[in-house]
């Protein structure tokens, strides 16, 4: 008699990976805001690992532009710069408008997916859960990009997400009413998918990016 094999267990993340994920999440969620200094010992204690994997994690984060290392002092969390904001907004506009144009012929299934993401945003906002609101907001945008069917652009957009998260967190926290504006603008994009003309849809996508850029620039 043969027996079914036991399901393979996924490998546990390495100590360096745990330290990396812990600190990266803390940076992106503004637990460690830009301009603050964190030590290797602080990270090691928080993650329960030795300093060697912490150093590996910090080197990865430095390569990603999130920290600057100072020997024997620790890591400085890099603040979001005006140049970074401008570059990310420009990249977003290029990718998202291209994706919006590509998905128009296949907008019926896209609308259902975007409606689900918008419902998640509204629920998170009603609950006062900023982290969940940010996640649903990113998912709304990524849904459009993924639906365009270009894997390279989707990967590029994934890399933009981390930078967007730090900026988006700041805009939602520091700009009164911006969450309500984002919800309204996402609803406008969803409604534009009912039109037979793609221009209202493309205009709604562009307007949302431009309005976000205006808010982000005022935060500098």
Foldseek 3Di string as FASTA:
>chain_A
DDDDDDDDDDDDDDLLVQLLVVVLVCDLLVVPDAFHFDALVNSCVVRVHDSVSNVVSVVVCVVLVQWDDDPPGGIGGHHQDPVNLVVLLVLLLVQQLVLLVLCLVVCPVLLVVLVVLLVQLVVCVVVVNVVSNLVSLLVNSLSSNVSSVDVVSSVVSVSSSSVCSNLVSCLVVPPPPVSVVSSVLSVQLSVCSVDPDSVSNSVSVVVSSVVSSVSSVVSD
